[in-house]
Amino acid sequence: MDENLFRVESDAALDDLFRALARAGDEHDFEADLNAGALTVEFEEPPAKFVVSPNAPVRQIWVSALTTSFKFEWDATRNAFILPATGQTLRQLMASVITTQLGEPVEL
């Protein structure tokens, strides 16, 4: 994957995730913000901040959440960024870490 294609796909993935997070945030009381290519999710109780950002040099999307760093790689067969260790999509992982953070089921 070249850098231009990575930027197109990562921008689309973050835009899609942001829309899903914005809807879920209204229901579950957290804030999502997409600014300058990075997506943040902030929680008041318990306080925390998750960050989702593209890393163009290595063609990955990185997620920092629950004191862990997750590195997603593009999977052309699934047309999605995937966490190689688990096969989870970006959206699936974010739903999981937010569920853990809030202690209640969150669907994205």
C-alpha atoms as a PDB file:
ATOM      1  CA  MET A   1       0.000   0.000   0.000  1.00  0.00           C
ATOM      2  CA  ASP A   2       1.457   3.356  -0.974  1.00  0.00           C
ATOM      3  CA  GLU A   3       1.168   6.442   1.228  1.00  0.00           C
ATOM      4  CA  ASN A   4      -1.635   8.063  -0.788  1.00  0.00           C
ATOM      5  CA  LEU A   5      -3.822   4.960  -0.629  1.00  0.00           C
ATOM      6  CA  PHE A   6      -3.049   4.615   3.082  1.00  0.00           C
ATOM      7  CA  ARG A   7      -4.177   8.189   3.694  1.00  0.00           C
ATOM      8  CA  VAL A   8      -7.422   7.644   1.769  1.00  0.00           C
ATOM      9  CA  GLU A   9      -8.229   4.399   3.592  1.00  0.00           C
ATOM     10  CA  SER A  10      -7.181   5.616   7.044  1.00  0.00           C
ATOM     11  CA  ASP A  11      -9.149   8.871   6.652  1.00  0.00           C
ATOM     12  CA  ALA A  12     -12.232   6.880   5.621  1.00  0.00           C
ATOM     13  CA  ALA A  13     -11.791   4.468   8.558  1.00  0.00           C
ATOM     14  CA  LEU A  14     -11.437   7.316  11.074  1.00  0.00           C
ATOM     15  CA  ASP A  15     -14.419   9.202   9.626  1.00  0.00           C
ATOM     16  CA  ASP A  16     -16.575   6.062   9.846  1.00  0.00           C
ATOM     17  CA  LEU A  17     -15.406   5.342  13.386  1.00  0.00           C
ATOM     18  CA  PHE A  18     -15.991   8.950  14.452  1.00  0.00           C
ATOM     19  CA  ARG A  19     -19.612   8.867  13.231  1.00  0.00           C
ATOM     20  CA  ALA A  20     -20.238   5.617  15.140  1.00  0.00           C
ATOM     21  CA  LEU A  21     -18.571   6.993  18.275  1.00  0.00           C
ATOM     22  CA  ALA A  22     -20.528  10.247  18.117  1.00  0.00           C
ATOM     23  CA  ARG A  23     -23.809   8.306  18.069  1.00  0.00           C
ATOM     24  CA  ALA A  24     -22.733   5.975  20.894  1.00  0.00           C
ATOM     25  CA  GLY A  25     -21.314   8.870  22.926  1.00  0.00           C
ATOM     26  CA  ASP A  26     -24.726  10.502  23.150  1.00  0.00           C
ATOM     27  CA  GLU A  27     -26.156   7.325  24.652  1.00  0.00           C
ATOM     28  CA  HIS A  28     -23.215   6.362  26.889  1.00  0.00           C
ATOM     29  CA  ASP A  29     -21.937   9.770  27.999  1.00  0.00           C
ATOM     30  CA  PHE A  30     -18.503  10.096  26.395  1.00  0.00           C
ATOM     31  CA  GLU A  31     -17.090  12.601  23.900  1.00  0.00           C
ATOM     32  CA  ALA A  32     -15.506  11.806  20.532  1.00  0.00           C
ATOM     33  CA  ASP A  33     -13.537  14.389  18.552  1.00  0.00           C
ATOM     34  CA  LEU A  34     -11.851  14.128  15.157  1.00  0.00           C
ATOM     35  CA  ASN A  35      -9.254  16.862  14.730  1.00  0.00           C
ATOM     36  CA  ALA A  36      -6.181  17.138  12.488  1.00  0.00           C
ATOM     37  CA  GLY A  37      -6.379  13.477  11.504  1.00  0.00           C
ATOM     38  CA  ALA A  38      -6.483  12.115  15.057  1.00  0.00           C
ATOM     39  CA  LEU A  39      -9.543  10.807  16.854  1.00  0.00           C
ATOM     40  CA  THR A  40      -9.921  11.153  20.611  1.00  0.00           C
ATOM     41  CA  VAL A  41     -12.483   9.632  22.936  1.00  0.00           C
ATOM     42  CA  GLU A  42     -12.776  11.167  26.396  1.00  0.00           C
ATOM     43  CA  PHE A  43     -14.575   9.840  29.448  1.00  0.00           C
ATOM     44  CA  GLU A  44     -15.468  11.757  32.596  1.00  0.00           C
ATOM     45  CA  GLU A  45     -16.240   8.792  34.877  1.00  0.00           C
ATOM     46  CA  PRO A  46     -13.974   7.028  35.222  1.00  0.00           C
ATOM     47  CA  PRO A  47     -11.675   9.604  33.619  1.00  0.00           C
ATOM     48  CA  ALA A  48      -9.718   8.435  30.585  1.00  0.00           C
ATOM     49  CA  LYS A  49      -8.702   9.439  27.082  1.00  0.00           C
ATOM     50  CA  PHE A  50      -8.299   7.070  24.133  1.00  0.00           C
ATOM     51  CA  VAL A  51      -6.454   8.172  20.979  1.00  0.00           C
ATOM     52  CA  VAL A  52      -6.749   6.736  17.467  1.00  0.00           C
ATOM     53  CA  SER A  53      -4.258   8.029  14.919  1.00  0.00           C
ATOM     54  CA  PRO A  54      -2.774   7.036  11.583  1.00  0.00           C
ATOM     55  CA  ASN A  55       0.943   6.325  11.379  1.00  0.00           C
ATOM     56  CA  ALA A  56       1.719   6.839   7.688  1.00  0.00           C
ATOM     57  CA  PRO A  57       5.399   5.786   7.683  1.00  0.00           C
ATOM     58  CA  VAL A  58       4.470   2.246   8.784  1.00  0.00           C
ATOM     59  CA  ARG A  59       0.979   2.256   7.158  1.00  0.00           C
ATOM     60  CA  GLN A  60      -0.810   1.458  10.412  1.00  0.00           C
ATOM     61  CA  ILE A  61      -3.521   2.960  12.575  1.00  0.00           C
ATOM     62  CA  TRP A  62      -2.504   3.100  16.215  1.00  0.00           C
ATOM     63  CA  VAL A  63      -4.904   3.040  19.135  1.00  0.00           C
ATOM     64  CA  SER A  64      -3.914   3.982  22.659  1.00  0.00           C
ATOM     65  CA  ALA A  65      -6.553   2.760  25.106  1.00  0.00           C
ATOM     66  CA  LEU A  66      -6.659   1.155  28.533  1.00  0.00           C
ATOM     67  CA  THR A  67      -2.875   1.643  28.949  1.00  0.00           C
ATOM     68  CA  THR A  68      -2.260  -0.478  25.830  1.00  0.00           C
ATOM     69  CA  SER A  69      -1.138   0.340  22.314  1.00  0.00           C
ATOM     70  CA  PHE A  70      -2.882  -1.496  19.467  1.00  0.00           C
ATOM     71  CA  LYS A  71      -1.465  -1.430  15.920  1.00  0.00           C
ATOM     72  CA  PHE A  72      -3.871  -2.042  13.053  1.00  0.00           C
ATOM     73  CA  GLU A  73      -2.774  -3.103   9.589  1.00  0.00           C
ATOM     74  CA  TRP A  74      -4.668  -2.864   6.310  1.00  0.00           C
ATOM     75  CA  ASP A  75      -6.265  -6.125   5.146  1.00  0.00           C
ATOM     76  CA  ALA A  76      -7.202  -5.793   1.472  1.00  0.00           C
ATOM     77  CA  THR A  77      -9.307  -8.971   1.502  1.00  0.00           C
ATOM     78  CA  ARG A  78     -11.509  -7.572   4.289  1.00  0.00           C
ATOM     79  CA  ASN A  79     -11.175  -3.970   3.083  1.00  0.00           C
ATOM     80  CA  ALA A  80     -10.515  -2.892   6.666  1.00  0.00           C
ATOM     81  CA  PHE A  81      -7.826  -2.149   9.209  1.00  0.00           C
ATOM     82  CA  ILE A  82      -7.359  -5.284  11.318  1.00  0.00           C
ATOM     83  CA  LEU A  83      -5.552  -6.042  14.568  1.00  0.00           C
ATOM     84  CA  PRO A  84      -3.334  -8.952  13.448  1.00  0.00           C
ATOM     85  CA  ALA A  85      -3.250 -10.674  16.851  1.00  0.00           C
ATOM     86  CA  THR A  86      -7.039 -11.019  17.119  1.00  0.00           C
ATOM     87  CA  GLY A  87      -8.498 -10.311  13.684  1.00  0.00           C
ATOM     88  CA  GLN A  88     -10.666  -7.550  15.183  1.00  0.00           C
ATOM     89  CA  THR A  89     -11.571  -4.552  13.083  1.00  0.00           C
ATOM     90  CA  LEU A  90     -10.936  -1.052  14.366  1.00  0.00           C
ATOM     91  CA  ARG A  91     -14.617  -0.647  15.181  1.00  0.00           C
ATOM     92  CA  GLN A  92     -14.789  -3.977  17.020  1.00  0.00           C
ATOM     93  CA  LEU A  93     -11.769  -3.187  19.175  1.00  0.00           C
ATOM     94  CA  MET A  94     -13.056   0.282  20.029  1.00  0.00           C
ATOM     95  CA  ALA A  95     -16.419  -1.151  21.086  1.00  0.00           C
ATOM     96  CA  SER A  96     -14.581  -3.645  23.285  1.00  0.00           C
ATOM     97  CA  VAL A  97     -12.270  -1.138  25.019  1.00  0.00           C
ATOM     98  CA  ILE A  98     -15.115   1.349  25.553  1.00  0.00           C
ATOM     99  CA  THR A  99     -17.262  -1.445  27.014  1.00  0.00           C
ATOM    100  CA  THR A 100     -14.406  -2.255  29.384  1.00  0.00           C
ATOM    101  CA  GLN A 101     -13.905   1.412  30.298  1.00  0.00           C
ATOM    102  CA  LEU A 102     -17.576   2.059  31.035  1.00  0.00           C
ATOM    103  CA  GLY A 103     -18.510  -1.338  32.442  1.00  0.00           C
ATOM    104  CA  GLU A 104     -21.554  -1.534  30.195  1.00  0.00           C
ATOM    105  CA  PRO A 105     -22.077  -2.956  26.695  1.00  0.00           C
ATOM    106  CA  VAL A 106     -21.379  -0.475  23.903  1.00  0.00           C
ATOM    107  CA  GLU A 107     -22.064  -1.232  20.249  1.00  0.00           C
ATOM    108  CA  LEU A 108     -20.585   0.776  17.401  1.00  0.00           C
END
